[in-house]
Amino acid sequence: MGIFSFIKEAGEKLLSGKSAQAATKPATPAPAVNTEESIKSANLLAVTSILNYVISMGLKADNLKIDVDTAKATVTVSGEAADQETREKIILCCGNTAGIEKVIDNMTVKKAEPEAQMHTVKKGDTLWKIAEQYYGKGKGGKYPQIFEANKPMLSDPDKIYPGQVLRIPPLN
């Protein structure tokens, strides 16, 4: 459990610009628009989009609940994952979403395991460089372990982007 930080502008484009705009209170609201209803609608749309993304990645948790506050760019996630890896991947699906900068993790796991480290990709990073950073000089060839730890969100080891947060599992 804890709070994870993400870069708001980076990530999957799951939330439409309309959602983010609807979540901010306009200086002079239009007469026929209920701002509170617009915010609720934006939050519900965001919950649906993120939940569908988690499901499309093949990730499951008992009693999975995702709440989104688009005005605060925050996701709160709860439920019980089968293992630590699934828990972390669900958190990454929630946070690696454009428009989200914080995930409040209230998830539990059935099988306790060591947590992976998290790495925010910087310009010029490659999985090879990241492997050397976390596993030691000369260990860049271990990058497939990082790639595998981030599947199915990563489809190709060369397709990482600045701002993306990756799981860095302990070296096998």
Foldseek 3Di string as FASTA:
>chain_A
DFKDFFDQQAAAAQQDPQLLVLLDDDPDDDPVDDSVVSQVVSFVSLQVSLVVQLVVQVADFAPWDWTARLNQLEIEIEGEGQEQLSLVLSQLSSRRYRSHTMYGYHYHYPDYDDFFDKDFDAPPDALLVVQCVPVHPPRSVVSVVQVVSNPPVDPDRGDDDGRRMGTHHPDD
